[in-house]
Amino acid sequence: ECFFNLGKADRAYTHLKEAVKLDPEDQDAHEMLGQYYLIKKDWAQAQQ
C-alpha cells in the first residue's frame, strides 16, 4: 500500500506476491494484486 502511494507499483507487486504466498486467503492482497494487473492492463491476470 505504501509503495503504491509512492508511485512504485512494481515494488508493491513484489510484496503482494509474497503476501499471498504466506497467506493464500488474504483478500486485501488479492484485491491489490487485481488492481495492479488492471493498471498494467493485464486483463487475464486481473480476472484470475
All heavy atoms as atom14 arrays in JSON, in Angstrom:
{
  "sequence": "ECFFNLGKADRAYTHLKEAVKLDPEDQDAHEMLGQYYLIKKDWAQAQQ",
  "atom14_mask": [
    [1, 1, 1, 1, 1, 1, 1, 1, 1, 0, 0, 0, 0, 0],
    [1, 1, 1, 1, 1, 1, 0, 0, 0, 0, 0, 0, 0, 0],
    [1, 1, 1, 1, 1, 1, 1, 1, 1, 1, 1, 0, 0, 0],
    [1, 1, 1, 1, 1, 1, 1, 1, 1, 1, 1, 0, 0, 0],
    [1, 1, 1, 1, 1, 1, 1, 1, 0, 0, 0, 0, 0, 0],
    [1, 1, 1, 1, 1, 1, 1, 1, 0, 0, 0, 0, 0, 0],
    [1, 1, 1, 1, 0, 0, 0, 0, 0, 0, 0, 0, 0, 0],
    [1, 1, 1, 1, 1, 1, 1, 1, 1, 0, 0, 0, 0, 0],
    [1, 1, 1, 1, 1, 0, 0, 0, 0, 0, 0, 0, 0, 0],
    [1, 1, 1, 1, 1, 1, 1, 1, 0, 0, 0, 0, 0, 0],
    [1, 1, 1, 1, 1, 1, 1, 1, 1, 1, 1, 0, 0, 0],
    [1, 1, 1, 1, 1, 0, 0, 0, 0, 0, 0, 0, 0, 0],
    [1, 1, 1, 1, 1, 1, 1, 1, 1, 1, 1, 1, 0, 0],
    [1, 1, 1, 1, 1, 1, 1, 0, 0, 0, 0, 0, 0, 0],
    [1, 1, 1, 1, 1, 1, 1, 1, 1, 1, 0, 0, 0, 0],
    [1, 1, 1, 1, 1, 1, 1, 1, 0, 0, 0, 0, 0, 0],
    [1, 1, 1, 1, 1, 1, 1, 1, 1, 0, 0, 0, 0, 0],
    [1, 1, 1, 1, 1, 1, 1, 1, 1, 0, 0, 0, 0, 0],
    [1, 1, 1, 1, 1, 0, 0, 0, 0, 0, 0, 0, 0, 0],
    [1, 1, 1, 1, 1, 1, 1, 0, 0, 0, 0, 0, 0, 0],
    [1, 1, 1, 1, 1, 1, 1, 1, 1, 0, 0, 0, 0, 0],
    [1, 1, 1, 1, 1, 1, 1, 1, 0, 0, 0, 0, 0, 0],
    [1, 1, 1, 1, 1, 1, 1, 1, 0, 0, 0, 0, 0, 0],
    [1, 1, 1, 1, 1, 1, 1, 0, 0, 0, 0, 0, 0, 0],
    [1, 1, 1, 1, 1, 1, 1, 1, 1, 0, 0, 0, 0, 0],
    [1, 1, 1, 1, 1, 1, 1, 1, 0, 0, 0, 0, 0, 0],
    [1, 1, 1, 1, 1, 1, 1, 1, 1, 0, 0, 0, 0, 0],
    [1, 1, 1, 1, 1, 1, 1, 1, 0, 0, 0, 0, 0, 0],
    [1, 1, 1, 1, 1, 0, 0, 0, 0, 0, 0, 0, 0, 0],
    [1, 1, 1, 1, 1, 1, 1, 1, 1, 1, 0, 0, 0, 0],
    [1, 1, 1, 1, 1, 1, 1, 1, 1, 0, 0, 0, 0, 0],
    [1, 1, 1, 1, 1, 1, 1, 1, 0, 0, 0, 0, 0, 0],
    [1, 1, 1, 1, 1, 1, 1, 1, 0, 0, 0, 0, 0, 0],
    [1, 1, 1, 1, 0, 0, 0, 0, 0, 0, 0, 0, 0, 0],
    [1, 1, 1, 1, 1, 1, 1, 1, 1, 0, 0, 0, 0, 0],
    [1, 1, 1, 1, 1, 1, 1, 1, 1, 1, 1, 1, 0, 0],
    [1, 1, 1, 1, 1, 1, 1, 1, 1, 1, 1, 1, 0, 0],
    [1, 1, 1, 1, 1, 1, 1, 1, 0, 0, 0, 0, 0, 0],
    [1, 1, 1, 1, 1, 1, 1, 1, 0, 0, 0, 0, 0, 0],
    [1, 1, 1, 1, 1, 1, 1, 1, 1, 0, 0, 0, 0, 0],
    [1, 1, 1, 1, 1, 1, 1, 1, 1, 0, 0, 0, 0, 0],
    [1, 1, 1, 1, 1, 1, 1, 1, 0, 0, 0, 0, 0, 0],
    [1, 1, 1, 1, 1, 1, 1, 1, 1, 1, 1, 1, 1, 1],
    [1, 1, 1, 1, 1, 0, 0, 0, 0, 0, 0, 0, 0, 0],
    [1, 1, 1, 1, 1, 1, 1, 1, 1, 0, 0, 0, 0, 0],
    [1, 1, 1, 1, 1, 0, 0, 0, 0, 0, 0, 0, 0, 0],
    [1, 1, 1, 1, 1, 1, 1, 1, 1, 0, 0, 0, 0, 0],
    [1, 1, 1, 1, 1, 1, 1, 1, 1, 0, 0, 0, 0, 0]
  ],
  "atom14_positions": [
    [[0.83, -1.2, 0.0], [0.0, 0.0, 0.0], [0.87, 1.25, 0.0], [0.6, 2.21, -0.73], [-0.92, -0.02, 1.22], [-1.93, 1.11, 1.26], [-2.89, 1.0, 2.41], [-3.07, -0.11, 2.96], [-3.46, 2.04, 2.79], [0.0, 0.0, 0.0], [0.0, 0.0, 0.0], [0.0, 0.0, 0.0], [0.0, 0.0, 0.0], [0.0, 0.0, 0.0]],
    [[1.92, 1.25, 0.82], [2.84, 2.39, 0.86], [3.51, 2.6, -0.49], [3.59, 3.73, -1.0], [3.89, 2.18, 1.94], [3.27, 2.29, 3.62], [0.0, 0.0, 0.0], [0.0, 0.0, 0.0], [0.0, 0.0, 0.0], [0.0, 0.0, 0.0], [0.0, 0.0, 0.0], [0.0, 0.0, 0.0], [0.0, 0.0, 0.0], [0.0, 0.0, 0.0]],
    [[3.99, 1.52, -1.09], [4.7, 1.65, -2.36], [3.75, 2.11, -3.49], [4.16, 2.87, -4.37], [5.4, 0.34, -2.73], [6.67, 0.13, -1.96], [6.88, -1.04, -1.23], [7.67, 1.09, -1.97], [8.05, -1.24, -0.51], [8.86, 0.9, -1.26], [9.04, -0.27, -0.52], [0.0, 0.0, 0.0], [0.0, 0.0, 0.0], [0.0, 0.0, 0.0]],
    [[2.5, 1.67, -3.45], [1.53, 2.18, -4.43], [1.42, 3.7, -4.28], [1.41, 4.43, -5.27], [0.16, 1.54, -4.22], [-0.08, 0.31, -5.05], [-0.5, -0.87, -4.45], [0.07, 0.33, -6.43], [-0.73, -2.01, -5.21], [-0.16, -0.79, -7.19], [-0.56, -1.97, -6.59], [0.0, 0.0, 0.0], [0.0, 0.0, 0.0], [0.0, 0.0, 0.0]],
    [[1.3, 4.16, -3.04], [1.14, 5.6, -2.81], [2.4, 6.38, -3.15], [2.33, 7.57, -3.44], [0.76, 5.84, -1.35], [-0.73, 5.6, -1.12], [-1.56, 6.39, -1.54], [-1.07, 4.5, -0.47], [0.0, 0.0, 0.0], [0.0, 0.0, 0.0], [0.0, 0.0, 0.0], [0.0, 0.0, 0.0], [0.0, 0.0, 0.0], [0.0, 0.0, 0.0]],
    [[3.53, 5.71, -3.14], [4.79, 6.36, -3.52], [5.07, 6.23, -5.01], [6.12, 6.64, -5.5], [5.95, 5.74, -2.72], [5.94, 6.06, -1.21], [6.95, 5.2, -0.47], [6.22, 7.55, -0.97], [0.0, 0.0, 0.0], [0.0, 0.0, 0.0], [0.0, 0.0, 0.0], [0.0, 0.0, 0.0], [0.0, 0.0, 0.0], [0.0, 0.0, 0.0]],
    [[4.11, 5.64, -5.75], [4.26, 5.51, -7.19], [5.21, 4.41, -7.62], [5.72, 4.43, -8.74], [0.0, 0.0, 0.0], [0.0, 0.0, 0.0], [0.0, 0.0, 0.0], [0.0, 0.0, 0.0], [0.0, 0.0, 0.0], [0.0, 0.0, 0.0], [0.0, 0.0, 0.0], [0.0, 0.0, 0.0], [0.0, 0.0, 0.0], [0.0, 0.0, 0.0]],
    [[5.44, 3.45, -6.73], [6.35, 2.34, -7.04], [5.55, 1.04, -7.09], [5.63, 0.19, -6.2], [7.46, 2.27, -6.0], [8.33, 3.53, -5.95], [9.44, 3.43, -4.94], [10.27, 4.7, -4.88], [10.95, 5.02, -6.16], [0.0, 0.0, 0.0], [0.0, 0.0, 0.0], [0.0, 0.0, 0.0], [0.0, 0.0, 0.0], [0.0, 0.0, 0.0]],
    [[4.76, 0.92, -8.17], [3.83, -0.19, -8.27], [4.55, -1.55, -8.34], [4.05, -2.54, -7.8], [2.93, -0.01, -9.5], [0.0, 0.0, 0.0], [0.0, 0.0, 0.0], [0.0, 0.0, 0.0], [0.0, 0.0, 0.0], [0.0, 0.0, 0.0], [0.0, 0.0, 0.0], [0.0, 0.0, 0.0], [0.0, 0.0, 0.0], [0.0, 0.0, 0.0]],
    [[5.69, -1.6, -9.0], [6.38, -2.89, -9.15], [6.92, -3.39, -7.8], [6.91, -4.6, -7.54], [7.51, -2.77, -10.17], [6.98, -2.61, -11.59], [5.82, -3.03, -11.84], [7.69, -2.06, -12.44], [0.0, 0.0, 0.0], [0.0, 0.0, 0.0], [0.0, 0.0, 0.0], [0.0, 0.0, 0.0], [0.0, 0.0, 0.0], [0.0, 0.0, 0.0]],
    [[7.37, -2.48, -6.94], [7.81, -2.9, -5.61], [6.61, -3.36, -4.79], [6.7, -4.3, -4.0], [8.55, -1.76, -4.91], [9.89, -1.45, -5.56], [10.74, -0.54, -4.69], [11.18, -1.21, -3.47], [11.95, -0.65, -2.55], [12.37, 0.62, -2.72], [12.32, -1.3, -1.46], [0.0, 0.0, 0.0], [0.0, 0.0, 0.0], [0.0, 0.0, 0.0]],
    [[5.48, -2.68, -4.99], [4.25, -3.12, -4.31], [3.9, -4.54, -4.74], [3.54, -5.38, -3.91], [3.1, -2.17, -4.65], [0.0, 0.0, 0.0], [0.0, 0.0, 0.0], [0.0, 0.0, 0.0], [0.0, 0.0, 0.0], [0.0, 0.0, 0.0], [0.0, 0.0, 0.0], [0.0, 0.0, 0.0], [0.0, 0.0, 0.0], [0.0, 0.0, 0.0]],
    [[4.03, -4.8, -6.04], [3.69, -6.12, -6.59], [4.54, -7.21, -5.92], [4.03, -8.28, -5.56], [3.93, -6.1, -8.1], [3.85, -7.46, -8.76], [2.61, -8.04, -9.03], [5.0, -8.14, -9.14], [2.53, -9.28, -9.65], [4.93, -9.38, -9.76], [3.7, -9.94, -10.01], [3.62, -11.16, -10.62], [0.0, 0.0, 0.0], [0.0, 0.0, 0.0]],
    [[5.83, -6.95, -5.73], [6.72, -7.95, -5.1], [6.22, -8.33, -3.72], [6.17, -9.52, -3.35], [8.15, -7.38, -5.0], [8.62, -7.08, -6.31], [9.09, -8.39, -4.35], [0.0, 0.0, 0.0], [0.0, 0.0, 0.0], [0.0, 0.0, 0.0], [0.0, 0.0, 0.0], [0.0, 0.0, 0.0], [0.0, 0.0, 0.0], [0.0, 0.0, 0.0]],
    [[5.8, -7.34, -2.94], [5.31, -7.62, -1.59], [3.96, -8.33, -1.61], [3.68, -9.17, -0.76], [5.24, -6.33, -0.78], [6.59, -5.86, -0.31], [7.26, -6.44, 0.73], [7.41, -4.88, -0.8], [8.43, -5.83, 0.9], [8.54, -4.88, -0.02], [0.0, 0.0, 0.0], [0.0, 0.0, 0.0], [0.0, 0.0, 0.0], [0.0, 0.0, 0.0]],
    [[3.13, -7.99, -2.59], [1.82, -8.65, -2.68], [1.98, -10.12, -3.03], [1.26, -10.98, -2.49], [0.94, -7.94, -3.72], [0.48, -6.54, -3.33], [-0.2, -5.84, -4.51], [-0.48, -6.59, -2.14], [0.0, 0.0, 0.0], [0.0, 0.0, 0.0], [0.0, 0.0, 0.0], [0.0, 0.0, 0.0], [0.0, 0.0, 0.0], [0.0, 0.0, 0.0]],
    [[2.9, -10.44, -3.92], [3.14, -11.85, -4.25], [3.63, -12.61, -3.03], [3.26, -13.76, -2.8], [4.15, -11.95, -5.39], [3.65, -11.43, -6.73], [2.45, -12.19, -7.26], [2.84, -13.53, -7.82], [1.69, -14.22, -8.45], [0.0, 0.0, 0.0], [0.0, 0.0, 0.0], [0.0, 0.0, 0.0], [0.0, 0.0, 0.0], [0.0, 0.0, 0.0]],
    [[4.48, -11.95, -2.23], [4.96, -12.59, -1.01], [3.82, -12.77, -0.01], [3.74, -13.81, 0.68], [6.08, -11.75, -0.39], [6.78, -12.41, 0.77], [7.51, -13.69, 0.39], [7.97, -13.8, -0.77], [7.6, -14.61, 1.25], [0.0, 0.0, 0.0], [0.0, 0.0, 0.0], [0.0, 0.0, 0.0], [0.0, 0.0, 0.0], [0.0, 0.0, 0.0]],
    [[2.93, -11.79, 0.04], [1.8, -11.86, 0.98], [0.9, -13.06, 0.68], [0.49, -13.78, 1.59], [0.99, -10.57, 0.93], [0.0, 0.0, 0.0], [0.0, 0.0, 0.0], [0.0, 0.0, 0.0], [0.0, 0.0, 0.0], [0.0, 0.0, 0.0], [0.0, 0.0, 0.0], [0.0, 0.0, 0.0], [0.0, 0.0, 0.0], [0.0, 0.0, 0.0]],
    [[0.6, -13.29, -0.6], [-0.3, -14.41, -0.92], [0.41, -15.75, -0.79], [-0.24, -16.78, -0.63], [-0.94, -14.25, -2.32], [-1.84, -13.04, -2.38], [0.12, -14.18, -3.41], [0.0, 0.0, 0.0], [0.0, 0.0, 0.0], [0.0, 0.0, 0.0], [0.0, 0.0, 0.0], [0.0, 0.0, 0.0], [0.0, 0.0, 0.0], [0.0, 0.0, 0.0]],
    [[1.75, -15.74, -0.85], [2.48, -16.98, -0.55], [2.31, -17.34, 0.92], [2.1, -18.49, 1.29], [3.98, -16.8, -0.85], [4.38, -17.04, -2.27], [5.91, -16.97, -2.36], [6.35, -16.91, -3.8], [7.83, -16.74, -3.89], [0.0, 0.0, 0.0], [0.0, 0.0, 0.0], [0.0, 0.0, 0.0], [0.0, 0.0, 0.0], [0.0, 0.0, 0.0]],
    [[2.45, -16.32, 1.77], [2.32, -16.54, 3.21], [0.89, -16.85, 3.62], [0.65, -17.64, 4.52], [2.82, -15.31, 3.97], [4.32, -15.02, 3.87], [4.64, -13.64, 4.42], [5.12, -16.1, 4.62], [0.0, 0.0, 0.0], [0.0, 0.0, 0.0], [0.0, 0.0, 0.0], [0.0, 0.0, 0.0], [0.0, 0.0, 0.0], [0.0, 0.0, 0.0]],
    [[-0.09, -16.19, 2.96], [-1.5, -16.4, 3.3], [-2.32, -16.34, 2.02], [-2.74, -15.27, 1.58], [-1.98, -15.32, 4.28], [-3.43, -15.53, 4.69], [-4.05, -16.52, 4.24], [-3.95, -14.7, 5.46], [0.0, 0.0, 0.0], [0.0, 0.0, 0.0], [0.0, 0.0, 0.0], [0.0, 0.0, 0.0], [0.0, 0.0, 0.0], [0.0, 0.0, 0.0]],
    [[-2.57, -17.5, 1.39], [-3.3, -17.53, 0.12], [-4.73, -17.0, 0.21], [-5.36, -16.74, -0.81], [-3.32, -19.03, -0.25], [-2.18, -19.62, 0.52], [-2.1, -18.83, 1.79], [0.0, 0.0, 0.0], [0.0, 0.0, 0.0], [0.0, 0.0, 0.0], [0.0, 0.0, 0.0], [0.0, 0.0, 0.0], [0.0, 0.0, 0.0], [0.0, 0.0, 0.0]],
    [[-5.24, -16.8, 1.43], [-6.62, -16.31, 1.59], [-6.66, -14.86, 2.03], [-7.71, -14.37, 2.47], [-7.37, -17.2, 2.59], [-7.52, -18.63, 2.11], [-8.41, -19.46, 3.02], [-8.89, -18.91, 4.03], [-8.61, -20.65, 2.7], [0.0, 0.0, 0.0], [0.0, 0.0, 0.0], [0.0, 0.0, 0.0], [0.0, 0.0, 0.0], [0.0, 0.0, 0.0]],
    [[-5.58, -14.14, 1.88], [-5.55, -12.72, 2.25], [-6.27, -11.91, 1.17], [-5.74, -11.66, 0.09], [-4.09, -12.25, 2.4], [-3.99, -10.85, 2.99], [-4.8, -9.98, 2.63], [-3.09, -10.64, 3.82], [0.0, 0.0, 0.0], [0.0, 0.0, 0.0], [0.0, 0.0, 0.0], [0.0, 0.0, 0.0], [0.0, 0.0, 0.0], [0.0, 0.0, 0.0]],
    [[-7.49, -11.48, 1.48], [-8.3, -10.8, 0.48], [-7.72, -9.45, 0.09], [-7.77, -9.05, -1.09], [-9.74, -10.63, 0.98], [-10.53, -11.93, 0.96], [-11.96, -11.74, 1.43], [-12.44, -12.46, 2.28], [-12.65, -10.77, 0.87], [0.0, 0.0, 0.0], [0.0, 0.0, 0.0], [0.0, 0.0, 0.0], [0.0, 0.0, 0.0], [0.0, 0.0, 0.0]],
    [[-7.18, -8.72, 1.05], [-6.58, -7.42, 0.74], [-5.46, -7.58, -0.29], [-5.34, -6.78, -1.23], [-6.03, -6.77, 2.0], [-7.13, -6.22, 2.9], [-8.27, -6.15, 2.45], [-6.83, -5.87, 4.06], [0.0, 0.0, 0.0], [0.0, 0.0, 0.0], [0.0, 0.0, 0.0], [0.0, 0.0, 0.0], [0.0, 0.0, 0.0], [0.0, 0.0, 0.0]],
    [[-4.64, -8.61, -0.11], [-3.53, -8.84, -1.03], [-4.05, -9.15, -2.44], [-3.54, -8.62, -3.43], [-2.65, -9.97, -0.53], [0.0, 0.0, 0.0], [0.0, 0.0, 0.0], [0.0, 0.0, 0.0], [0.0, 0.0, 0.0], [0.0, 0.0, 0.0], [0.0, 0.0, 0.0], [0.0, 0.0, 0.0], [0.0, 0.0, 0.0], [0.0, 0.0, 0.0]],
    [[-5.08, -10.0, -2.51], [-5.63, -10.34, -3.83], [-6.32, -9.13, -4.48], [-6.23, -8.95, -5.7], [-6.61, -11.51, -3.7], [-5.93, -12.84, -3.49], [-5.14, -13.42, -4.46], [-5.91, -13.68, -2.42], [-4.67, -14.58, -4.01], [-5.12, -14.76, -2.77], [0.0, 0.0, 0.0], [0.0, 0.0, 0.0], [0.0, 0.0, 0.0], [0.0, 0.0, 0.0]],
    [[-7.0, -8.31, -3.68], [-7.62, -7.1, -4.23], [-6.56, -6.2, -4.86], [-6.71, -5.72, -5.99], [-8.34, -6.32, -3.14], [-9.72, -6.85, -2.77], [-10.44, -5.89, -1.84], [-10.05, -4.7, -1.78], [-11.4, -6.32, -1.18], [0.0, 0.0, 0.0], [0.0, 0.0, 0.0], [0.0, 0.0, 0.0], [0.0, 0.0, 0.0], [0.0, 0.0, 0.0]],
    [[-5.49, -5.96, -4.1], [-4.46, -5.06, -4.6], [-3.7, -5.65, -5.78], [-3.32, -4.93, -6.7], [-3.52, -4.69, -3.46], [-4.22, -3.87, -2.37], [-3.23, -3.65, -0.88], [-2.05, -2.45, -1.43], [0.0, 0.0, 0.0], [0.0, 0.0, 0.0], [0.0, 0.0, 0.0], [0.0, 0.0, 0.0], [0.0, 0.0, 0.0], [0.0, 0.0, 0.0]],
    [[-3.53, -6.97, -5.8], [-2.94, -7.61, -6.98], [-3.85, -7.43, -8.2], [-3.38, -7.15, -9.3], [-2.72, -9.1, -6.71], [-1.38, -9.5, -6.1], [-1.38, -10.98, -5.75], [-0.22, -9.18, -7.05], [0.0, 0.0, 0.0], [0.0, 0.0, 0.0], [0.0, 0.0, 0.0], [0.0, 0.0, 0.0], [0.0, 0.0, 0.0], [0.0, 0.0, 0.0]],
    [[-5.15, -7.59, -7.97], [-6.1, -7.38, -9.06], [-6.0, -5.97, -9.61], [-5.99, -5.73, -10.83], [0.0, 0.0, 0.0], [0.0, 0.0, 0.0], [0.0, 0.0, 0.0], [0.0, 0.0, 0.0], [0.0, 0.0, 0.0], [0.0, 0.0, 0.0], [0.0, 0.0, 0.0], [0.0, 0.0, 0.0], [0.0, 0.0, 0.0], [0.0, 0.0, 0.0]],
    [[-5.86, -4.99, -8.71], [-5.74, -3.59, -9.14], [-4.43, -3.36, -9.89], [-4.39, -2.63, -10.88], [-5.82, -2.69, -7.91], [-7.18, -2.73, -7.24], [-7.1, -2.22, -5.81], [-6.14, -1.55, -5.43], [-8.11, -2.53, -5.02], [0.0, 0.0, 0.0], [0.0, 0.0, 0.0], [0.0, 0.0, 0.0], [0.0, 0.0, 0.0], [0.0, 0.0, 0.0]],
    [[-3.36, -3.99, -9.4], [-2.07, -3.87, -10.08], [-2.19, -4.36, -11.53], [-1.72, -3.69, -12.47], [-1.02, -4.69, -9.33], [0.31, -4.79, -10.06], [1.26, -3.79, -9.96], [0.59, -5.91, -10.86], [2.47, -3.88, -10.64], [1.8, -6.0, -11.54], [2.73, -4.99, -11.42], [3.94, -5.08, -12.1], [0.0, 0.0, 0.0], [0.0, 0.0, 0.0]],
    [[-2.81, -5.52, -11.72], [-2.93, -6.06, -13.08], [-3.84, -5.19, -13.94], [-3.62, -5.07, -15.16], [-3.47, -7.5, -13.02], [-2.48, -8.5, -12.46], [-2.82, -9.34, -11.41], [-1.2, -8.6, -13.01], [-1.92, -10.25, -10.89], [-0.28, -9.52, -12.49], [-0.65, -10.34, -11.44], [0.26, -11.24, -10.93], [0.0, 0.0, 0.0], [0.0, 0.0, 0.0]],
    [[-4.85, -4.57, -13.33], [-5.71, -3.67, -14.09], [-4.93, -2.44, -14.55], [-5.08, -1.99, -15.69], [-6.91, -3.25, -13.25], [-7.99, -4.32, -13.05], [-8.98, -3.89, -11.98], [-8.71, -4.63, -14.36], [0.0, 0.0, 0.0], [0.0, 0.0, 0.0], [0.0, 0.0, 0.0], [0.0, 0.0, 0.0], [0.0, 0.0, 0.0], [0.0, 0.0, 0.0]],
    [[-4.09, -1.9, -13.67], [-3.26, -0.76, -14.06], [-2.36, -1.15, -15.23], [-2.16, -0.38, -16.17], [-2.41, -0.29, -12.86], [-3.31, 0.34, -11.79], [-1.35, 0.71, -13.31], [-2.6, 0.59, -10.47], [0.0, 0.0, 0.0], [0.0, 0.0, 0.0], [0.0, 0.0, 0.0], [0.0, 0.0, 0.0], [0.0, 0.0, 0.0], [0.0, 0.0, 0.0]],
    [[-1.86, -2.38, -15.21], [-0.98, -2.88, -16.27], [-1.77, -3.36, -17.5], [-1.18, -3.76, -18.5], [-0.13, -4.04, -15.75], [0.84, -3.66, -14.62], [1.92, -2.73, -15.12], [2.96, -2.46, -14.04], [4.03, -1.55, -14.53], [0.0, 0.0, 0.0], [0.0, 0.0, 0.0], [0.0, 0.0, 0.0], [0.0, 0.0, 0.0], [0.0, 0.0, 0.0]],
    [[-3.09, -3.32, -17.4], [-3.98, -3.81, -18.47], [-3.74, -5.28, -18.78], [-3.9, -5.73, -19.93], [-3.85, -2.95, -19.73], [-4.25, -1.5, -19.5], [-4.26, -0.7, -20.79], [-4.68, 0.74, -20.51], [-4.72, 1.56, -21.73], [0.0, 0.0, 0.0], [0.0, 0.0, 0.0], [0.0, 0.0, 0.0], [0.0, 0.0, 0.0], [0.0, 0.0, 0.0]],
    [[-3.36, -6.01, -17.76], [-3.21, -7.46, -17.89], [-4.53, -8.08, -17.44], [-4.7, -8.52, -16.31], [-2.05, -7.94, -17.01], [-1.72, -9.42, -17.25], [-2.58, -10.15, -17.79], [-0.61, -9.83, -16.87], [0.0, 0.0, 0.0], [0.0, 0.0, 0.0], [0.0, 0.0, 0.0], [0.0, 0.0, 0.0], [0.0, 0.0, 0.0], [0.0, 0.0, 0.0]],
    [[-5.49, -8.06, -18.36], [-6.87, -8.44, -18.01], [-6.96, -9.89, -17.53], [-7.73, -10.18, -16.6], [-7.8, -8.22, -19.2], [-7.67, -6.9, -19.88], [-7.47, -6.69, -21.21], [-7.71, -5.59, -19.3], [-7.39, -5.35, -21.5], [-7.54, -4.65, -20.34], [-7.87, -5.12, -17.99], [-7.53, -3.28, -20.12], [-7.86, -3.74, -17.77], [-7.7, -2.85, -18.81]],
    [[-6.21, -10.78, -18.15], [-6.32, -12.2, -17.78], [-5.88, -12.42, -16.34], [-6.54, -13.14, -15.58], [-5.47, -13.05, -18.73], [0.0, 0.0, 0.0], [0.0, 0.0, 0.0], [0.0, 0.0, 0.0], [0.0, 0.0, 0.0], [0.0, 0.0, 0.0], [0.0, 0.0, 0.0], [0.0, 0.0, 0.0], [0.0, 0.0, 0.0], [0.0, 0.0, 0.0]],
    [[-4.75, -11.8, -15.94], [-4.28, -11.95, -14.56], [-5.24, -11.26, -13.58], [-5.48, -11.77, -12.47], [-2.88, -11.37, -14.41], [-1.79, -12.21, -15.03], [-1.62, -13.56, -14.32], [-1.83, -13.69, -13.13], [-1.27, -14.58, -15.09], [0.0, 0.0, 0.0], [0.0, 0.0, 0.0], [0.0, 0.0, 0.0], [0.0, 0.0, 0.0], [0.0, 0.0, 0.0]],
    [[-5.78, -10.11, -13.98], [-6.74, -9.43, -13.12], [-7.97, -10.31, -12.91], [-8.49, -10.44, -11.79], [-7.15, -8.09, -13.74], [0.0, 0.0, 0.0], [0.0, 0.0, 0.0], [0.0, 0.0, 0.0], [0.0, 0.0, 0.0], [0.0, 0.0, 0.0], [0.0, 0.0, 0.0], [0.0, 0.0, 0.0], [0.0, 0.0, 0.0], [0.0, 0.0, 0.0]],
    [[-8.41, -10.94, -14.0], [-9.57, -11.83, -13.89], [-9.28, -12.98, -12.94], [-10.15, -13.4, -12.14], [-9.94, -12.37, -15.28], [-11.24, -13.11, -15.36], [-12.43, -12.22, -15.06], [-13.0, -12.29, -13.97], [-12.8, -11.38, -16.02], [0.0, 0.0, 0.0], [0.0, 0.0, 0.0], [0.0, 0.0, 0.0], [0.0, 0.0, 0.0], [0.0, 0.0, 0.0]],
    [[-8.07, -13.49, -12.99], [-7.69, -14.61, -12.11], [-7.75, -14.18, -10.64], [-8.26, -14.93, -9.79], [-6.27, -15.06, -12.45], [-5.8, -16.26, -11.63], [-4.43, -16.75, -12.1], [-4.13, -16.79, -13.27], [-3.59, -17.12, -11.14], [0.0, 0.0, 0.0], [0.0, 0.0, 0.0], [0.0, 0.0, 0.0], [0.0, 0.0, 0.0], [0.0, 0.0, 0.0]]
  ]
}
